[in-house]
Amino acid sequence: MTLYFRDNFFSSGMTEIMNDSGETVGELDLKSSFSASLDVCDLTGRTLCSGKFPFFSGRWEVTDEDDRLLGELRSRMSFFSQRYEYDAGGRGLYEINSPAFTQDYFIQRENEGETVATFERTSGWLHSGAYSLENYSTELSDYELVVVVLGVHAIRKRRSNAAAT
């Protein structure tokens, strides 16, 4: 199933998560424009996953509904592509790569090369981040991957803001 979701322009408020039929299957609660944190909620408003930067950290933490750590996302150095690493603890280590000059990303299990998910940025540079996500994994839930994708977005925004100052 393909999921579609987006950030708001000021990174705060509620937005929908939709499937490829255009049906709402969840919501994003973007907490504040001053601190990058978010919750992924089901249609009843129950929090399923959350993401945030810990205080003074460049890592993006993904937690479950009980605030247990599911994994950590971090940026990796690369000259010609965008690279990230998602450590899902006992469920594996995943590399997230985007070839140079594209908005396409591939999430692969480290050392195996198996693609477990793909996502792409579908918005232009003047718009807030909008993404489509295709999950092939049985170990990483759709909602966990939504938080990971928006973590990549948050890391990119943080890096861009730091470069502008």
N, C-alpha and C. Protein backbone atom coordinates (compact mmCIF):
# COMPACT_ATOMS: atom_id res chain seq x y z
N MET A 1 0.85 -1.18 0.00
CA MET A 1 0.00 0.00 0.00
C MET A 1 0.89 1.24 0.00
N THR A 2 0.54 2.21 -0.79
CA THR A 2 1.25 3.47 -0.83
C THR A 2 0.57 4.45 0.10
N LEU A 3 1.36 5.16 0.89
CA LEU A 3 0.85 6.19 1.79
C LEU A 3 1.35 7.54 1.32
N TYR A 4 0.50 8.55 1.49
CA TYR A 4 0.83 9.92 1.13
C TYR A 4 0.64 10.79 2.35
N PHE A 5 1.62 11.67 2.62
CA PHE A 5 1.54 12.55 3.79
C PHE A 5 2.43 13.75 3.55
N ARG A 6 2.26 14.77 4.39
CA ARG A 6 3.02 16.00 4.19
C ARG A 6 3.23 16.74 5.50
N ASP A 7 4.24 17.56 5.47
CA ASP A 7 4.54 18.50 6.54
C ASP A 7 3.70 19.75 6.27
N ASN A 8 3.40 20.53 7.28
CA ASN A 8 2.78 21.83 7.08
C ASN A 8 3.86 22.87 6.87
N PHE A 9 3.48 24.01 6.31
CA PHE A 9 4.47 25.06 6.02
C PHE A 9 5.20 25.49 7.28
N PHE A 10 4.51 25.62 8.41
CA PHE A 10 5.16 26.03 9.65
C PHE A 10 5.43 24.84 10.57
N SER A 11 5.32 23.62 10.06
CA SER A 11 5.61 22.40 10.81
C SER A 11 4.82 22.30 12.11
N SER A 12 3.56 22.69 12.06
CA SER A 12 2.70 22.52 13.23
C SER A 12 1.28 22.28 12.76
N GLY A 13 0.49 21.60 13.61
CA GLY A 13 -0.89 21.32 13.28
C GLY A 13 -1.09 19.87 12.84
N MET A 14 -2.29 19.57 12.42
CA MET A 14 -2.68 18.22 12.02
C MET A 14 -2.73 18.13 10.49
N THR A 15 -2.23 17.01 9.95
CA THR A 15 -2.37 16.71 8.53
C THR A 15 -2.76 15.25 8.38
N GLU A 16 -3.32 14.91 7.24
CA GLU A 16 -3.80 13.55 7.00
C GLU A 16 -2.72 12.66 6.42
N ILE A 17 -2.85 11.38 6.69
CA ILE A 17 -2.09 10.33 6.00
C ILE A 17 -3.12 9.61 5.14
N MET A 18 -2.88 9.55 3.83
CA MET A 18 -3.86 8.94 2.93
C MET A 18 -3.26 7.74 2.22
N ASN A 19 -4.12 6.81 1.81
CA ASN A 19 -3.67 5.67 1.02
C ASN A 19 -3.82 6.01 -0.46
N ASP A 20 -3.49 5.05 -1.32
CA ASP A 20 -3.54 5.33 -2.76
C ASP A 20 -4.95 5.49 -3.30
N SER A 21 -5.96 5.17 -2.50
CA SER A 21 -7.36 5.40 -2.91
C SER A 21 -7.87 6.77 -2.46
N GLY A 22 -7.01 7.53 -1.77
CA GLY A 22 -7.40 8.85 -1.29
C GLY A 22 -8.13 8.82 0.04
N GLU A 23 -8.19 7.65 0.68
CA GLU A 23 -8.85 7.53 1.98
C GLU A 23 -7.88 7.91 3.09
N THR A 24 -8.38 8.59 4.10
CA THR A 24 -7.56 8.94 5.25
C THR A 24 -7.38 7.70 6.11
N VAL A 25 -6.12 7.34 6.39
CA VAL A 25 -5.81 6.15 7.19
C VAL A 25 -5.10 6.50 8.49
N GLY A 26 -4.87 7.78 8.72
CA GLY A 26 -4.22 8.23 9.95
C GLY A 26 -3.99 9.73 9.87
N GLU A 27 -3.37 10.24 10.93
CA GLU A 27 -3.10 11.67 11.00
C GLU A 27 -1.70 11.92 11.56
N LEU A 28 -1.12 13.03 11.15
CA LEU A 28 0.13 13.51 11.71
C LEU A 28 -0.18 14.69 12.61
N ASP A 29 0.32 14.64 13.82
CA ASP A 29 0.22 15.77 14.73
C ASP A 29 1.60 16.39 14.81
N LEU A 30 1.80 17.46 14.06
CA LEU A 30 3.08 18.17 14.04
C LEU A 30 3.05 19.14 15.22
N LYS A 31 3.83 18.84 16.23
CA LYS A 31 3.71 19.49 17.54
C LYS A 31 3.96 20.99 17.53
N SER A 32 5.06 21.44 16.95
CA SER A 32 5.42 22.84 17.07
C SER A 32 6.40 23.22 15.98
N SER A 33 6.34 24.47 15.57
CA SER A 33 7.31 24.94 14.59
C SER A 33 8.66 25.25 15.24
N PHE A 34 8.71 25.28 16.58
CA PHE A 34 9.95 25.61 17.28
C PHE A 34 10.74 24.38 17.68
N SER A 35 10.10 23.24 17.75
CA SER A 35 10.84 22.00 18.05
C SER A 35 10.30 20.92 17.13
N ALA A 36 11.20 20.25 16.43
CA ALA A 36 10.78 19.22 15.48
C ALA A 36 10.36 17.97 16.25
N SER A 37 9.08 17.80 16.42
CA SER A 37 8.55 16.58 17.02
C SER A 37 7.17 16.33 16.44
N LEU A 38 6.79 15.06 16.38
CA LEU A 38 5.50 14.73 15.77
C LEU A 38 4.98 13.42 16.32
N ASP A 39 3.68 13.24 16.20
CA ASP A 39 3.01 11.98 16.52
C ASP A 39 2.27 11.50 15.29
N VAL A 40 2.26 10.19 15.08
CA VAL A 40 1.42 9.56 14.07
C VAL A 40 0.26 8.92 14.82
N CYS A 41 -0.95 9.30 14.45
CA CYS A 41 -2.15 8.84 15.16
C CYS A 41 -3.05 8.05 14.22
N ASP A 42 -3.83 7.14 14.82
CA ASP A 42 -4.83 6.44 14.03
C ASP A 42 -6.05 7.35 13.90
N LEU A 43 -7.11 6.85 13.30
CA LEU A 43 -8.29 7.68 13.03
C LEU A 43 -9.05 8.07 14.29
N THR A 44 -8.80 7.37 15.40
CA THR A 44 -9.45 7.73 16.66
C THR A 44 -8.63 8.74 17.46
N GLY A 45 -7.44 9.09 16.98
CA GLY A 45 -6.58 10.05 17.67
C GLY A 45 -5.57 9.41 18.60
N ARG A 46 -5.53 8.08 18.65
CA ARG A 46 -4.56 7.39 19.51
C ARG A 46 -3.18 7.44 18.86
N THR A 47 -2.17 7.81 19.65
CA THR A 47 -0.80 7.90 19.14
C THR A 47 -0.24 6.50 18.91
N LEU A 48 0.30 6.26 17.70
CA LEU A 48 0.89 4.98 17.34
C LEU A 48 2.41 5.03 17.37
N CYS A 49 2.99 6.12 16.89
CA CYS A 49 4.45 6.33 16.85
C CYS A 49 4.72 7.81 17.01
N SER A 50 5.92 8.11 17.48
CA SER A 50 6.33 9.50 17.63
C SER A 50 7.77 9.65 17.16
N GLY A 51 8.14 10.87 16.86
CA GLY A 51 9.51 11.17 16.48
C GLY A 51 9.92 12.52 17.02
N LYS A 52 11.22 12.63 17.40
CA LYS A 52 11.72 13.90 17.94
C LYS A 52 13.24 13.87 17.96
N PHE A 53 13.82 15.07 18.04
CA PHE A 53 15.23 15.21 18.32
C PHE A 53 15.39 15.33 19.83
N PRO A 54 16.18 14.48 20.47
CA PRO A 54 16.47 14.70 21.88
C PRO A 54 17.21 16.03 22.05
N PHE A 55 17.20 16.57 23.23
CA PHE A 55 17.82 17.87 23.52
C PHE A 55 19.28 17.88 23.08
N PHE A 56 19.66 18.85 22.27
CA PHE A 56 21.03 19.01 21.74
C PHE A 56 21.56 17.76 21.05
N SER A 57 20.77 17.17 20.19
CA SER A 57 21.19 15.96 19.49
C SER A 57 20.86 16.07 18.02
N GLY A 58 21.65 15.43 17.19
CA GLY A 58 21.38 15.36 15.76
C GLY A 58 20.68 14.08 15.37
N ARG A 59 20.40 13.21 16.36
CA ARG A 59 19.70 11.95 16.10
C ARG A 59 18.19 12.17 16.20
N TRP A 60 17.45 11.46 15.38
CA TRP A 60 15.99 11.51 15.39
C TRP A 60 15.52 10.21 16.04
N GLU A 61 14.84 10.31 17.16
CA GLU A 61 14.36 9.13 17.87
C GLU A 61 12.94 8.79 17.46
N VAL A 62 12.70 7.51 17.21
CA VAL A 62 11.37 7.01 16.87
C VAL A 62 10.91 6.15 18.05
N THR A 63 9.74 6.47 18.60
CA THR A 63 9.21 5.73 19.75
C THR A 63 7.83 5.20 19.44
N ASP A 64 7.40 4.19 20.21
CA ASP A 64 6.07 3.61 20.02
C ASP A 64 5.06 4.33 20.90
N GLU A 65 3.84 3.82 20.93
CA GLU A 65 2.76 4.47 21.68
C GLU A 65 3.02 4.52 23.18
N ASP A 66 3.87 3.64 23.69
CA ASP A 66 4.21 3.63 25.12
C ASP A 66 5.53 4.35 25.39
N ASP A 67 6.02 5.13 24.43
CA ASP A 67 7.26 5.90 24.52
C ASP A 67 8.51 5.02 24.64
N ARG A 68 8.42 3.79 24.14
CA ARG A 68 9.60 2.91 24.08
C ARG A 68 10.33 3.18 22.77
N LEU A 69 11.64 3.20 22.83
CA LEU A 69 12.45 3.49 21.66
C LEU A 69 12.34 2.36 20.63
N LEU A 70 11.92 2.71 19.42
CA LEU A 70 11.88 1.75 18.31
C LEU A 70 13.17 1.81 17.50
N GLY A 71 13.73 3.02 17.36
CA GLY A 71 14.94 3.16 16.57
C GLY A 71 15.44 4.58 16.56
N GLU A 72 16.64 4.74 15.98
CA GLU A 72 17.26 6.05 15.87
C GLU A 72 17.73 6.28 14.43
N LEU A 73 17.46 7.47 13.94
CA LEU A 73 17.85 7.87 12.60
C LEU A 73 18.97 8.88 12.71
N ARG A 74 20.01 8.71 11.89
CA ARG A 74 21.10 9.68 11.86
C ARG A 74 21.59 9.86 10.43
N SER A 75 22.15 11.02 10.19
CA SER A 75 22.71 11.33 8.88
C SER A 75 24.10 10.74 8.77
N ARG A 76 24.48 10.34 7.57
CA ARG A 76 25.82 9.82 7.28
C ARG A 76 26.47 10.73 6.25
N MET A 77 27.77 10.90 6.36
CA MET A 77 28.50 11.74 5.41
C MET A 77 28.54 11.09 4.03
N SER A 78 28.31 11.92 3.02
CA SER A 78 28.39 11.47 1.64
C SER A 78 28.57 12.70 0.76
N PHE A 79 29.38 12.59 -0.26
CA PHE A 79 29.65 13.74 -1.11
C PHE A 79 28.63 13.93 -2.22
N PHE A 80 28.15 12.85 -2.82
CA PHE A 80 27.29 12.99 -3.99
C PHE A 80 25.88 12.46 -3.80
N SER A 81 25.56 11.96 -2.64
CA SER A 81 24.21 11.46 -2.40
C SER A 81 23.83 11.78 -0.97
N GLN A 82 22.54 11.63 -0.69
CA GLN A 82 22.07 11.79 0.68
C GLN A 82 22.02 10.41 1.32
N ARG A 83 22.64 10.29 2.49
CA ARG A 83 22.69 8.99 3.17
C ARG A 83 22.29 9.15 4.62
N TYR A 84 21.49 8.20 5.06
CA TYR A 84 21.04 8.16 6.45
C TYR A 84 21.11 6.71 6.91
N GLU A 85 21.05 6.53 8.22
CA GLU A 85 21.08 5.19 8.80
C GLU A 85 19.99 5.12 9.86
N TYR A 86 19.16 4.09 9.79
CA TYR A 86 18.12 3.87 10.79
C TYR A 86 18.45 2.59 11.54
N ASP A 87 18.74 2.74 12.82
CA ASP A 87 19.06 1.61 13.68
C ASP A 87 17.79 1.21 14.43
N ALA A 88 17.19 0.09 14.03
CA ALA A 88 15.95 -0.40 14.63
C ALA A 88 16.23 -1.44 15.71
N GLY A 89 17.38 -1.34 16.36
CA GLY A 89 17.73 -2.25 17.43
C GLY A 89 17.83 -3.68 16.94
N GLY A 90 17.17 -4.60 17.61
CA GLY A 90 17.20 -6.02 17.26
C GLY A 90 16.54 -6.35 15.93
N ARG A 91 15.85 -5.38 15.35
CA ARG A 91 15.18 -5.61 14.06
C ARG A 91 16.06 -5.27 12.88
N GLY A 92 17.24 -4.74 13.15
CA GLY A 92 18.18 -4.52 12.05
C GLY A 92 18.63 -3.09 11.89
N LEU A 93 19.63 -2.94 11.05
CA LEU A 93 20.19 -1.66 10.69
C LEU A 93 19.85 -1.41 9.22
N TYR A 94 19.34 -0.23 8.91
CA TYR A 94 18.86 0.08 7.57
C TYR A 94 19.58 1.31 7.03
N GLU A 95 19.97 1.25 5.78
CA GLU A 95 20.57 2.38 5.10
C GLU A 95 19.51 3.06 4.25
N ILE A 96 19.50 4.38 4.29
CA ILE A 96 18.57 5.17 3.49
C ILE A 96 19.42 6.01 2.55
N ASN A 97 19.24 5.80 1.26
CA ASN A 97 20.05 6.47 0.24
C ASN A 97 19.17 7.17 -0.78
N SER A 98 19.68 8.31 -1.23
CA SER A 98 19.05 9.03 -2.33
C SER A 98 20.15 9.42 -3.30
N PRO A 99 20.09 8.92 -4.53
CA PRO A 99 21.12 9.30 -5.51
C PRO A 99 21.15 10.82 -5.70
N ALA A 100 22.28 11.32 -6.12
CA ALA A 100 22.45 12.76 -6.33
C ALA A 100 21.40 13.30 -7.29
N PHE A 101 20.89 14.48 -6.96
CA PHE A 101 19.96 15.24 -7.79
C PHE A 101 18.60 14.56 -7.97
N THR A 102 18.22 13.68 -7.06
CA THR A 102 16.88 13.07 -7.12
C THR A 102 16.16 13.30 -5.80
N GLN A 103 14.89 13.04 -5.82
CA GLN A 103 14.06 13.09 -4.61
C GLN A 103 13.57 11.70 -4.25
N ASP A 104 14.20 10.67 -4.82
CA ASP A 104 13.83 9.28 -4.56
C ASP A 104 14.76 8.70 -3.49
N TYR A 105 14.19 7.96 -2.55
CA TYR A 105 14.96 7.37 -1.46
C TYR A 105 14.68 5.87 -1.42
N PHE A 106 15.72 5.12 -1.05
CA PHE A 106 15.62 3.67 -0.92
C PHE A 106 16.06 3.27 0.48
N ILE A 107 15.23 2.50 1.16
CA ILE A 107 15.58 2.00 2.48
C ILE A 107 15.95 0.54 2.31
N GLN A 108 17.21 0.22 2.64
CA GLN A 108 17.72 -1.14 2.44
C GLN A 108 18.31 -1.68 3.73
N ARG A 109 18.10 -2.97 3.91
CA ARG A 109 18.71 -3.65 5.05
C ARG A 109 20.22 -3.67 4.84
N GLU A 110 20.96 -3.20 5.84
CA GLU A 110 22.41 -3.14 5.70
C GLU A 110 23.00 -4.52 5.48
N ASN A 111 24.02 -4.58 4.67
CA ASN A 111 24.77 -5.79 4.33
C ASN A 111 24.00 -6.80 3.48
N GLU A 112 22.73 -6.60 3.26
CA GLU A 112 21.95 -7.52 2.43
C GLU A 112 21.51 -6.87 1.13
N GLY A 113 21.38 -5.56 1.13
CA GLY A 113 20.95 -4.86 -0.07
C GLY A 113 19.48 -5.01 -0.40
N GLU A 114 18.73 -5.68 0.47
CA GLU A 114 17.29 -5.89 0.25
C GLU A 114 16.55 -4.57 0.48
N THR A 115 15.82 -4.10 -0.53
CA THR A 115 15.03 -2.89 -0.38
C THR A 115 13.76 -3.22 0.39
N VAL A 116 13.59 -2.55 1.55
CA VAL A 116 12.42 -2.82 2.39
C VAL A 116 11.36 -1.74 2.24
N ALA A 117 11.74 -0.58 1.68
CA ALA A 117 10.78 0.50 1.45
C ALA A 117 11.39 1.52 0.51
N THR A 118 10.53 2.28 -0.14
CA THR A 118 10.97 3.41 -0.96
C THR A 118 10.06 4.59 -0.64
N PHE A 119 10.62 5.77 -0.76
CA PHE A 119 9.79 6.96 -0.64
C PHE A 119 10.36 8.05 -1.54
N GLU A 120 9.49 8.99 -1.87
CA GLU A 120 9.93 10.10 -2.71
C GLU A 120 9.26 11.38 -2.27
N ARG A 121 10.00 12.45 -2.41
CA ARG A 121 9.45 13.76 -2.12
C ARG A 121 8.66 14.19 -3.34
N THR A 122 7.42 14.56 -3.14
CA THR A 122 6.54 14.88 -4.26
C THR A 122 6.24 16.36 -4.37
N SER A 123 6.84 17.19 -3.50
CA SER A 123 6.58 18.63 -3.52
C SER A 123 7.77 19.38 -4.08
N GLY A 124 7.54 20.61 -4.48
CA GLY A 124 8.60 21.46 -5.00
C GLY A 124 9.34 22.18 -3.89
N TRP A 125 10.32 22.96 -4.26
CA TRP A 125 11.18 23.59 -3.26
C TRP A 125 10.50 24.73 -2.52
N LEU A 126 9.43 25.31 -3.04
CA LEU A 126 8.73 26.38 -2.33
C LEU A 126 7.60 25.85 -1.44
N HIS A 127 7.35 24.55 -1.48
CA HIS A 127 6.26 23.97 -0.71
C HIS A 127 6.81 23.18 0.47
N SER A 128 5.94 22.96 1.46
CA SER A 128 6.36 22.10 2.56
C SER A 128 6.53 20.67 2.05
N GLY A 129 7.24 19.85 2.80
CA GLY A 129 7.56 18.49 2.35
C GLY A 129 6.33 17.61 2.22
N ALA A 130 6.12 17.04 1.05
CA ALA A 130 5.07 16.06 0.82
C ALA A 130 5.73 14.80 0.28
N TYR A 131 5.30 13.64 0.77
CA TYR A 131 5.97 12.39 0.45
C TYR A 131 4.98 11.29 0.11
N SER A 132 5.46 10.34 -0.70
CA SER A 132 4.76 9.07 -0.89
C SER A 132 5.70 7.98 -0.41
N LEU A 133 5.11 6.96 0.23
CA LEU A 133 5.88 5.89 0.86
C LEU A 133 5.32 4.55 0.44
N GLU A 134 6.20 3.65 0.03
CA GLU A 134 5.83 2.27 -0.31
C GLU A 134 6.63 1.35 0.62
N ASN A 135 5.93 0.59 1.48
CA ASN A 135 6.58 -0.27 2.47
C ASN A 135 6.46 -1.73 2.04
N TYR A 136 7.60 -2.43 1.96
CA TYR A 136 7.63 -3.85 1.62
C TYR A 136 8.04 -4.69 2.83
N SER A 137 8.32 -4.06 3.95
CA SER A 137 8.87 -4.72 5.13
C SER A 137 7.78 -5.34 6.01
N THR A 138 8.12 -6.47 6.64
CA THR A 138 7.23 -7.05 7.63
C THR A 138 7.67 -6.66 9.04
N GLU A 139 8.89 -6.10 9.17
CA GLU A 139 9.43 -5.74 10.48
C GLU A 139 9.21 -4.28 10.84
N LEU A 140 9.13 -3.42 9.86
CA LEU A 140 8.93 -2.00 10.08
C LEU A 140 7.52 -1.63 9.65
N SER A 141 6.74 -1.08 10.58
CA SER A 141 5.35 -0.75 10.25
C SER A 141 5.28 0.49 9.36
N ASP A 142 4.15 0.64 8.69
CA ASP A 142 3.93 1.81 7.86
C ASP A 142 4.09 3.09 8.68
N TYR A 143 3.51 3.10 9.87
CA TYR A 143 3.51 4.32 10.68
C TYR A 143 4.90 4.62 11.23
N GLU A 144 5.67 3.60 11.55
CA GLU A 144 7.06 3.80 11.97
C GLU A 144 7.85 4.42 10.82
N LEU A 145 7.63 3.93 9.61
CA LEU A 145 8.35 4.47 8.45
C LEU A 145 7.92 5.89 8.12
N VAL A 146 6.67 6.25 8.38
CA VAL A 146 6.24 7.64 8.20
C VAL A 146 7.08 8.54 9.10
N VAL A 147 7.29 8.11 10.35
CA VAL A 147 8.11 8.89 11.28
C VAL A 147 9.56 8.96 10.80
N VAL A 148 10.08 7.86 10.26
CA VAL A 148 11.45 7.85 9.73
C VAL A 148 11.57 8.82 8.55
N VAL A 149 10.62 8.78 7.63
CA VAL A 149 10.65 9.67 6.46
C VAL A 149 10.62 11.13 6.92
N LEU A 150 9.74 11.45 7.85
CA LEU A 150 9.68 12.83 8.33
C LEU A 150 10.90 13.19 9.17
N GLY A 151 11.57 12.18 9.73
CA GLY A 151 12.85 12.41 10.39
C GLY A 151 13.92 12.81 9.39
N VAL A 152 13.95 12.15 8.24
CA VAL A 152 14.87 12.54 7.16
C VAL A 152 14.57 13.98 6.76
N HIS A 153 13.29 14.30 6.62
CA HIS A 153 12.88 15.66 6.27
C HIS A 153 13.34 16.66 7.33
N ALA A 154 13.18 16.32 8.60
CA ALA A 154 13.57 17.21 9.70
C ALA A 154 15.09 17.42 9.73
N ILE A 155 15.85 16.36 9.49
CA ILE A 155 17.31 16.48 9.45
C ILE A 155 17.73 17.40 8.29
N ARG A 156 17.10 17.21 7.14
CA ARG A 156 17.42 18.06 5.98
C ARG A 156 17.07 19.52 6.26
N LYS A 157 15.91 19.78 6.88
CA LYS A 157 15.53 21.15 7.21
C LYS A 157 16.49 21.76 8.22
N ARG A 158 16.88 20.98 9.22
CA ARG A 158 17.80 21.47 10.24
C ARG A 158 19.15 21.82 9.59
N ARG A 159 19.64 20.96 8.71
CA ARG A 159 20.92 21.20 8.02
C ARG A 159 20.81 22.44 7.13
N SER A 160 19.70 22.59 6.42
CA SER A 160 19.49 23.74 5.55
C SER A 160 19.42 25.04 6.34
N ASN A 161 18.73 25.01 7.47
CA ASN A 161 18.63 26.20 8.32
C ASN A 161 19.99 26.58 8.90
N ALA A 162 20.78 25.59 9.28
CA ALA A 162 22.11 25.86 9.83
C ALA A 162 23.03 26.46 8.77
N ALA A 163 22.89 26.00 7.52
CA ALA A 163 23.73 26.52 6.44
C ALA A 163 23.34 27.94 6.07
N ALA A 164 22.07 28.30 6.30
CA ALA A 164 21.60 29.64 5.93
C ALA A 164 22.02 30.71 6.94
N THR A 165 22.41 30.29 8.14
CA THR A 165 22.78 31.29 9.16
C THR A 165 24.25 31.52 9.22
